[in-house]
Amino acid sequence: MKTTIIPFEPRYAKDFASLNIEWLEKFFETEPHDAALLEQCEELIINKGGHIFFAKVGSEIAGTFSLIKVEEGVYELGKMAVSPQFQGHRIGQQLLQFCIEFSKDQGWKKLILYSNTILGSAIYIYQKYGFIEIPLEDTPPYKRSNIKMELVL
């Protein structure tokens, strides 16, 4: 399965939202912070110095992730999702590998992410790529978050 990773284009904004809502609704719920980022991804992510990428298989968008600027040189890896029909083909790992290489190429200091320990396979993959658990703030940006991780680049 040949996968190409492409940068954000406005025509893919709906794919970004639908892929994320699909997994959020499967495991949790779409929180107000999620809805804002998904509905206004260009304004709240791209225009604020962030990035969104997509995994494309043939003509289909199979997965996505975003890099949300937290501060200079620090980005949140967020909104990573792979369509159920493409799961099991290592697309998430390809996206993660691309994310890390892209971040290093930018000269950034670190990546952070928020997750939940019920997503065991995701946590395992993050650890495999070098992310380590760090203390979670008292009021994380997502109610579902019970783990925060970072990767120093």
N, C-alpha and C. Protein backbone atom coordinates (compact mmCIF):
# COMPACT_ATOMS: atom_id res chain seq x y z
N MET A 1 0.85 -1.19 0.00
CA MET A 1 0.00 0.00 0.00
C MET A 1 0.89 1.24 0.00
N LYS A 2 0.99 1.90 -1.14
CA LYS A 2 1.84 3.08 -1.26
C LYS A 2 1.15 4.28 -0.61
N THR A 3 1.86 4.85 0.34
CA THR A 3 1.34 5.99 1.07
C THR A 3 2.19 7.21 0.76
N THR A 4 1.55 8.32 0.44
CA THR A 4 2.23 9.59 0.21
C THR A 4 1.79 10.55 1.31
N ILE A 5 2.72 11.28 1.88
CA ILE A 5 2.36 12.26 2.91
C ILE A 5 2.42 13.64 2.28
N ILE A 6 1.30 14.34 2.38
CA ILE A 6 1.16 15.64 1.73
C ILE A 6 0.78 16.71 2.75
N PRO A 7 1.15 17.97 2.47
CA PRO A 7 0.77 19.06 3.39
C PRO A 7 -0.67 19.49 3.21
N PHE A 8 -1.13 20.28 4.14
CA PHE A 8 -2.50 20.80 4.15
C PHE A 8 -2.83 21.57 2.87
N GLU A 9 -4.01 21.34 2.39
CA GLU A 9 -4.64 22.17 1.35
C GLU A 9 -6.07 22.37 1.82
N PRO A 10 -6.63 23.57 1.60
CA PRO A 10 -7.99 23.84 2.09
C PRO A 10 -9.01 22.77 1.67
N ARG A 11 -8.84 22.17 0.52
CA ARG A 11 -9.82 21.17 0.06
C ARG A 11 -9.84 19.93 0.95
N TYR A 12 -8.81 19.74 1.79
CA TYR A 12 -8.75 18.58 2.68
C TYR A 12 -9.21 18.90 4.11
N ALA A 13 -9.67 20.11 4.35
CA ALA A 13 -10.10 20.49 5.70
C ALA A 13 -11.22 19.59 6.22
N LYS A 14 -12.16 19.22 5.35
CA LYS A 14 -13.26 18.34 5.76
C LYS A 14 -12.74 16.95 6.13
N ASP A 15 -11.72 16.46 5.41
CA ASP A 15 -11.13 15.16 5.75
C ASP A 15 -10.47 15.23 7.13
N PHE A 16 -9.78 16.33 7.40
CA PHE A 16 -9.13 16.52 8.70
C PHE A 16 -10.17 16.41 9.81
N ALA A 17 -11.30 17.09 9.64
CA ALA A 17 -12.35 17.07 10.66
C ALA A 17 -13.00 15.69 10.76
N SER A 18 -13.40 15.11 9.63
CA SER A 18 -14.14 13.85 9.69
C SER A 18 -13.31 12.69 10.22
N LEU A 19 -12.04 12.61 9.85
CA LEU A 19 -11.18 11.55 10.38
C LEU A 19 -11.07 11.64 11.89
N ASN A 20 -10.91 12.85 12.39
CA ASN A 20 -10.76 13.03 13.84
C ASN A 20 -12.06 12.81 14.59
N ILE A 21 -13.16 13.31 14.07
CA ILE A 21 -14.45 13.12 14.75
C ILE A 21 -14.78 11.63 14.82
N GLU A 22 -14.45 10.90 13.76
CA GLU A 22 -14.73 9.47 13.72
C GLU A 22 -14.08 8.74 14.89
N TRP A 23 -12.78 8.99 15.15
CA TRP A 23 -12.14 8.26 16.25
C TRP A 23 -12.52 8.84 17.60
N LEU A 24 -12.70 10.17 17.67
CA LEU A 24 -13.11 10.76 18.95
C LEU A 24 -14.44 10.19 19.42
N GLU A 25 -15.40 10.09 18.50
CA GLU A 25 -16.72 9.59 18.87
C GLU A 25 -16.70 8.10 19.19
N LYS A 26 -15.74 7.39 18.64
CA LYS A 26 -15.63 5.95 18.92
C LYS A 26 -15.16 5.72 20.36
N PHE A 27 -14.20 6.53 20.83
CA PHE A 27 -13.61 6.30 22.15
C PHE A 27 -14.04 7.31 23.22
N PHE A 28 -14.32 8.53 22.82
CA PHE A 28 -14.59 9.60 23.79
C PHE A 28 -15.78 10.42 23.31
N GLU A 29 -15.61 11.72 23.29
CA GLU A 29 -16.59 12.63 22.70
C GLU A 29 -15.80 13.81 22.14
N THR A 30 -16.41 14.53 21.23
CA THR A 30 -15.75 15.70 20.66
C THR A 30 -15.96 16.85 21.65
N GLU A 31 -14.86 17.33 22.21
CA GLU A 31 -14.91 18.41 23.19
C GLU A 31 -14.91 19.76 22.46
N PRO A 32 -15.30 20.84 23.15
CA PRO A 32 -15.31 22.16 22.50
C PRO A 32 -13.94 22.54 21.89
N HIS A 33 -12.84 22.20 22.60
CA HIS A 33 -11.50 22.52 22.08
C HIS A 33 -11.24 21.76 20.78
N ASP A 34 -11.68 20.50 20.72
CA ASP A 34 -11.55 19.70 19.49
C ASP A 34 -12.35 20.36 18.37
N ALA A 35 -13.60 20.65 18.65
CA ALA A 35 -14.49 21.20 17.63
C ALA A 35 -13.92 22.48 17.03
N ALA A 36 -13.39 23.35 17.88
CA ALA A 36 -12.81 24.60 17.39
C ALA A 36 -11.63 24.32 16.45
N LEU A 37 -10.71 23.45 16.89
CA LEU A 37 -9.54 23.13 16.06
C LEU A 37 -9.95 22.48 14.74
N LEU A 38 -10.95 21.61 14.78
CA LEU A 38 -11.35 20.88 13.58
C LEU A 38 -12.15 21.76 12.61
N GLU A 39 -13.02 22.60 13.16
CA GLU A 39 -13.85 23.45 12.31
C GLU A 39 -13.10 24.65 11.76
N GLN A 40 -12.07 25.08 12.48
CA GLN A 40 -11.32 26.27 12.07
C GLN A 40 -9.83 25.94 11.97
N CYS A 41 -9.52 24.81 11.36
CA CYS A 41 -8.13 24.33 11.36
C CYS A 41 -7.17 25.30 10.69
N GLU A 42 -7.62 25.95 9.66
CA GLU A 42 -6.72 26.89 8.97
C GLU A 42 -6.41 28.09 9.86
N GLU A 43 -7.45 28.65 10.48
CA GLU A 43 -7.25 29.83 11.34
C GLU A 43 -6.48 29.49 12.61
N LEU A 44 -6.86 28.37 13.28
CA LEU A 44 -6.30 28.07 14.61
C LEU A 44 -5.01 27.26 14.60
N ILE A 45 -4.72 26.59 13.50
CA ILE A 45 -3.49 25.78 13.45
C ILE A 45 -2.52 26.37 12.42
N ILE A 46 -2.91 26.39 11.16
CA ILE A 46 -2.02 26.82 10.08
C ILE A 46 -1.60 28.28 10.25
N ASN A 47 -2.58 29.17 10.42
CA ASN A 47 -2.27 30.60 10.47
C ASN A 47 -1.54 31.02 11.75
N LYS A 48 -1.44 30.11 12.72
CA LYS A 48 -0.72 30.42 13.95
C LYS A 48 0.64 29.72 13.99
N GLY A 49 1.13 29.34 12.81
CA GLY A 49 2.47 28.75 12.73
C GLY A 49 2.50 27.23 12.81
N GLY A 50 1.34 26.60 12.75
CA GLY A 50 1.28 25.14 12.83
C GLY A 50 1.21 24.50 11.45
N HIS A 51 1.06 23.19 11.45
CA HIS A 51 1.05 22.41 10.21
C HIS A 51 0.03 21.28 10.33
N ILE A 52 -0.50 20.89 9.18
CA ILE A 52 -1.37 19.72 9.09
C ILE A 52 -0.88 18.91 7.90
N PHE A 53 -0.78 17.61 8.09
CA PHE A 53 -0.36 16.72 7.02
C PHE A 53 -1.38 15.59 6.86
N PHE A 54 -1.36 14.99 5.69
CA PHE A 54 -2.26 13.89 5.38
C PHE A 54 -1.50 12.73 4.77
N ALA A 55 -1.97 11.53 5.08
CA ALA A 55 -1.49 10.32 4.41
C ALA A 55 -2.49 10.04 3.30
N LYS A 56 -1.98 9.93 2.09
CA LYS A 56 -2.84 9.70 0.94
C LYS A 56 -2.49 8.34 0.34
N VAL A 57 -3.51 7.51 0.14
CA VAL A 57 -3.33 6.21 -0.50
C VAL A 57 -4.16 6.27 -1.78
N GLY A 58 -3.48 6.25 -2.91
CA GLY A 58 -4.19 6.47 -4.17
C GLY A 58 -4.77 7.87 -4.14
N SER A 59 -6.08 7.96 -4.37
CA SER A 59 -6.73 9.27 -4.33
C SER A 59 -7.44 9.52 -3.00
N GLU A 60 -7.30 8.57 -2.07
CA GLU A 60 -8.03 8.69 -0.79
C GLU A 60 -7.15 9.21 0.34
N ILE A 61 -7.74 10.04 1.20
CA ILE A 61 -7.06 10.50 2.40
C ILE A 61 -7.25 9.41 3.46
N ALA A 62 -6.13 8.82 3.89
CA ALA A 62 -6.18 7.67 4.81
C ALA A 62 -5.92 8.07 6.25
N GLY A 63 -5.22 9.17 6.46
CA GLY A 63 -4.89 9.58 7.82
C GLY A 63 -4.43 11.02 7.86
N THR A 64 -4.24 11.52 9.07
CA THR A 64 -3.85 12.92 9.23
C THR A 64 -3.21 13.13 10.60
N PHE A 65 -2.52 14.25 10.74
CA PHE A 65 -2.05 14.73 12.05
C PHE A 65 -1.77 16.21 11.92
N SER A 66 -1.70 16.88 13.08
CA SER A 66 -1.36 18.29 13.09
C SER A 66 -0.22 18.55 14.06
N LEU A 67 0.46 19.64 13.80
CA LEU A 67 1.48 20.15 14.70
C LEU A 67 1.02 21.55 15.10
N ILE A 68 0.61 21.68 16.35
CA ILE A 68 0.02 22.91 16.85
C ILE A 68 1.09 23.65 17.64
N LYS A 69 1.37 24.88 17.24
CA LYS A 69 2.43 25.65 17.90
C LYS A 69 2.03 26.00 19.33
N VAL A 70 2.89 25.61 20.28
CA VAL A 70 2.67 25.91 21.70
C VAL A 70 3.47 27.16 22.07
N GLU A 71 4.74 27.14 21.68
CA GLU A 71 5.65 28.27 21.86
C GLU A 71 6.78 28.07 20.86
N GLU A 72 7.70 29.00 20.80
CA GLU A 72 8.79 28.88 19.82
C GLU A 72 9.53 27.56 20.02
N GLY A 73 9.57 26.73 18.98
CA GLY A 73 10.32 25.47 19.03
C GLY A 73 9.63 24.32 19.73
N VAL A 74 8.40 24.55 20.24
CA VAL A 74 7.64 23.49 20.93
C VAL A 74 6.27 23.37 20.24
N TYR A 75 5.97 22.15 19.81
CA TYR A 75 4.72 21.90 19.09
C TYR A 75 3.98 20.72 19.70
N GLU A 76 2.65 20.82 19.68
CA GLU A 76 1.82 19.70 20.13
C GLU A 76 1.48 18.84 18.91
N LEU A 77 1.82 17.56 19.01
CA LEU A 77 1.38 16.60 18.01
C LEU A 77 -0.06 16.27 18.38
N GLY A 78 -0.97 16.66 17.53
CA GLY A 78 -2.38 16.46 17.86
C GLY A 78 -3.19 16.04 16.66
N LYS A 79 -4.41 15.66 16.94
CA LYS A 79 -5.36 15.35 15.89
C LYS A 79 -4.82 14.31 14.91
N MET A 80 -4.15 13.29 15.47
CA MET A 80 -3.66 12.20 14.63
C MET A 80 -4.77 11.15 14.52
N ALA A 81 -5.11 10.80 13.30
CA ALA A 81 -6.18 9.83 13.08
C ALA A 81 -5.93 9.09 11.77
N VAL A 82 -6.30 7.82 11.76
CA VAL A 82 -6.24 7.00 10.56
C VAL A 82 -7.62 6.40 10.34
N SER A 83 -8.10 6.47 9.13
CA SER A 83 -9.40 5.92 8.78
C SER A 83 -9.44 4.43 9.11
N PRO A 84 -10.55 3.95 9.71
CA PRO A 84 -10.65 2.52 10.04
C PRO A 84 -10.32 1.60 8.87
N GLN A 85 -10.70 1.98 7.66
CA GLN A 85 -10.44 1.11 6.51
C GLN A 85 -8.96 0.99 6.18
N PHE A 86 -8.14 1.90 6.72
CA PHE A 86 -6.70 1.86 6.45
C PHE A 86 -5.88 1.46 7.67
N GLN A 87 -6.55 1.15 8.78
CA GLN A 87 -5.81 0.76 9.98
C GLN A 87 -5.19 -0.61 9.76
N GLY A 88 -4.05 -0.83 10.44
CA GLY A 88 -3.36 -2.10 10.30
C GLY A 88 -2.35 -2.10 9.17
N HIS A 89 -2.14 -0.95 8.54
CA HIS A 89 -1.18 -0.85 7.43
C HIS A 89 -0.01 0.06 7.78
N ARG A 90 0.18 0.32 9.08
CA ARG A 90 1.31 1.11 9.58
C ARG A 90 1.28 2.57 9.11
N ILE A 91 0.10 3.05 8.73
CA ILE A 91 -0.01 4.43 8.28
C ILE A 91 0.25 5.39 9.43
N GLY A 92 -0.27 5.07 10.61
CA GLY A 92 -0.01 5.92 11.78
C GLY A 92 1.47 6.02 12.07
N GLN A 93 2.19 4.90 11.95
CA GLN A 93 3.63 4.93 12.19
C GLN A 93 4.36 5.73 11.11
N GLN A 94 3.89 5.63 9.87
CA GLN A 94 4.49 6.43 8.80
C GLN A 94 4.28 7.92 9.06
N LEU A 95 3.08 8.27 9.51
CA LEU A 95 2.80 9.67 9.85
C LEU A 95 3.68 10.14 11.00
N LEU A 96 3.82 9.30 12.02
CA LEU A 96 4.64 9.67 13.18
C LEU A 96 6.10 9.84 12.79
N GLN A 97 6.62 8.93 11.99
CA GLN A 97 8.01 9.02 11.52
C GLN A 97 8.21 10.32 10.73
N PHE A 98 7.28 10.61 9.84
CA PHE A 98 7.34 11.85 9.05
C PHE A 98 7.30 13.06 9.98
N CYS A 99 6.41 13.03 10.96
CA CYS A 99 6.26 14.12 11.92
C CYS A 99 7.58 14.42 12.63
N ILE A 100 8.25 13.38 13.09
CA ILE A 100 9.50 13.55 13.84
C ILE A 100 10.59 14.11 12.91
N GLU A 101 10.70 13.54 11.72
CA GLU A 101 11.71 14.02 10.77
C GLU A 101 11.45 15.48 10.38
N PHE A 102 10.19 15.81 10.11
CA PHE A 102 9.81 17.18 9.75
C PHE A 102 10.17 18.14 10.89
N SER A 103 9.85 17.75 12.12
CA SER A 103 10.11 18.60 13.29
C SER A 103 11.61 18.83 13.48
N LYS A 104 12.39 17.78 13.29
CA LYS A 104 13.86 17.94 13.40
C LYS A 104 14.38 18.86 12.30
N ASP A 105 13.85 18.70 11.08
CA ASP A 105 14.26 19.56 9.97
C ASP A 105 13.95 21.03 10.23
N GLN A 106 12.90 21.29 11.01
CA GLN A 106 12.53 22.66 11.35
C GLN A 106 13.43 23.24 12.45
N GLY A 107 14.21 22.36 13.09
CA GLY A 107 15.07 22.80 14.18
C GLY A 107 14.32 23.03 15.49
N TRP A 108 13.15 22.39 15.63
CA TRP A 108 12.37 22.55 16.85
C TRP A 108 13.02 21.83 18.01
N LYS A 109 12.64 22.24 19.26
CA LYS A 109 13.22 21.66 20.47
C LYS A 109 12.51 20.39 20.91
N LYS A 110 11.17 20.43 20.89
CA LYS A 110 10.45 19.23 21.36
C LYS A 110 9.02 19.20 20.86
N LEU A 111 8.49 17.98 20.91
CA LEU A 111 7.08 17.73 20.62
C LEU A 111 6.42 17.26 21.89
N ILE A 112 5.18 17.67 22.09
CA ILE A 112 4.39 17.15 23.21
C ILE A 112 3.12 16.55 22.64
N LEU A 113 2.48 15.70 23.40
CA LEU A 113 1.18 15.18 22.99
C LEU A 113 0.38 14.84 24.23
N TYR A 114 -0.92 14.85 24.04
CA TYR A 114 -1.87 14.44 25.09
C TYR A 114 -2.58 13.21 24.58
N SER A 115 -2.80 12.24 25.46
CA SER A 115 -3.50 11.04 25.06
C SER A 115 -4.26 10.48 26.24
N ASN A 116 -4.71 9.24 26.07
CA ASN A 116 -5.40 8.54 27.14
C ASN A 116 -4.89 7.11 27.16
N THR A 117 -4.65 6.59 28.35
CA THR A 117 -4.04 5.26 28.47
C THR A 117 -4.93 4.13 27.96
N ILE A 118 -6.23 4.39 27.70
CA ILE A 118 -7.03 3.32 27.09
C ILE A 118 -6.60 3.07 25.64
N LEU A 119 -5.87 4.03 25.07
CA LEU A 119 -5.36 3.88 23.69
C LEU A 119 -3.98 3.23 23.77
N GLY A 120 -3.95 2.02 24.31
CA GLY A 120 -2.69 1.32 24.60
C GLY A 120 -1.77 1.18 23.41
N SER A 121 -2.30 0.83 22.25
CA SER A 121 -1.41 0.63 21.10
C SER A 121 -0.80 1.96 20.65
N ALA A 122 -1.55 3.05 20.75
CA ALA A 122 -1.00 4.36 20.41
C ALA A 122 0.12 4.74 21.38
N ILE A 123 -0.11 4.54 22.67
CA ILE A 123 0.91 4.86 23.67
C ILE A 123 2.17 4.03 23.40
N TYR A 124 1.99 2.76 23.09
CA TYR A 124 3.12 1.88 22.79
C TYR A 124 3.93 2.43 21.60
N ILE A 125 3.24 2.86 20.56
CA ILE A 125 3.93 3.38 19.37
C ILE A 125 4.65 4.69 19.70
N TYR A 126 4.02 5.57 20.48
CA TYR A 126 4.70 6.81 20.87
C TYR A 126 5.99 6.48 21.63
N GLN A 127 5.91 5.53 22.55
CA GLN A 127 7.10 5.14 23.31
C GLN A 127 8.17 4.55 22.40
N LYS A 128 7.74 3.74 21.45
CA LYS A 128 8.67 3.13 20.49
C LYS A 128 9.46 4.20 19.73
N TYR A 129 8.82 5.33 19.47
CA TYR A 129 9.48 6.43 18.75
C TYR A 129 10.17 7.43 19.68
N GLY A 130 10.24 7.10 20.97
CA GLY A 130 11.04 7.91 21.88
C GLY A 130 10.30 8.88 22.77
N PHE A 131 8.98 8.93 22.68
CA PHE A 131 8.23 9.81 23.58
C PHE A 131 8.26 9.23 24.99
N ILE A 132 8.38 10.11 25.98
CA ILE A 132 8.35 9.68 27.38
C ILE A 132 7.24 10.42 28.11
N GLU A 133 6.71 9.77 29.13
CA GLU A 133 5.64 10.39 29.92
C GLU A 133 6.20 11.50 30.77
N ILE A 134 5.49 12.62 30.82
CA ILE A 134 5.85 13.75 31.68
C ILE A 134 4.60 14.13 32.47
N PRO A 135 4.77 14.91 33.55
CA PRO A 135 3.59 15.26 34.36
C PRO A 135 2.53 16.01 33.56
N LEU A 136 1.30 15.65 33.81
CA LEU A 136 0.14 16.27 33.17
C LEU A 136 -0.27 17.48 34.01
N GLU A 137 -0.49 18.61 33.37
CA GLU A 137 -0.92 19.79 34.12
C GLU A 137 -2.29 19.56 34.75
N ASP A 138 -2.63 20.39 35.74
CA ASP A 138 -3.90 20.24 36.45
C ASP A 138 -5.10 20.41 35.53
N THR A 139 -5.00 21.28 34.55
CA THR A 139 -6.10 21.48 33.61
C THR A 139 -5.59 21.31 32.18
N PRO A 140 -5.47 20.05 31.73
CA PRO A 140 -5.02 19.83 30.36
C PRO A 140 -6.04 20.36 29.35
N PRO A 141 -5.62 20.61 28.12
CA PRO A 141 -6.54 21.18 27.13
C PRO A 141 -7.69 20.25 26.73
N TYR A 142 -7.54 18.94 27.01
CA TYR A 142 -8.61 17.98 26.69
C TYR A 142 -8.99 17.24 27.96
N LYS A 143 -10.30 17.15 28.25
CA LYS A 143 -10.76 16.45 29.45
C LYS A 143 -10.38 14.98 29.43
N ARG A 144 -10.32 14.37 28.24
CA ARG A 144 -10.03 12.93 28.13
C ARG A 144 -8.57 12.59 28.42
N SER A 145 -7.71 13.61 28.44
CA SER A 145 -6.27 13.35 28.61
C SER A 145 -5.95 12.87 30.01
N ASN A 146 -5.29 11.72 30.10
CA ASN A 146 -4.78 11.28 31.39
C ASN A 146 -3.29 10.96 31.30
N ILE A 147 -2.68 11.31 30.15
CA ILE A 147 -1.25 11.15 29.98
C ILE A 147 -0.74 12.24 29.04
N LYS A 148 0.43 12.76 29.39
CA LYS A 148 1.11 13.75 28.56
C LYS A 148 2.49 13.18 28.27
N MET A 149 2.93 13.31 27.03
CA MET A 149 4.23 12.77 26.65
C MET A 149 5.01 13.84 25.89
N GLU A 150 6.34 13.67 25.89
CA GLU A 150 7.17 14.58 25.11
C GLU A 150 8.29 13.83 24.44
N LEU A 151 8.76 14.41 23.35
CA LEU A 151 9.92 13.91 22.64
C LEU A 151 10.85 15.10 22.46
N VAL A 152 12.01 15.04 23.10
CA VAL A 152 13.01 16.08 22.92
C VAL A 152 13.73 15.76 21.62
N LEU A 153 13.76 16.72 20.72
CA LEU A 153 14.30 16.48 19.37
C LEU A 153 15.81 16.69 19.31
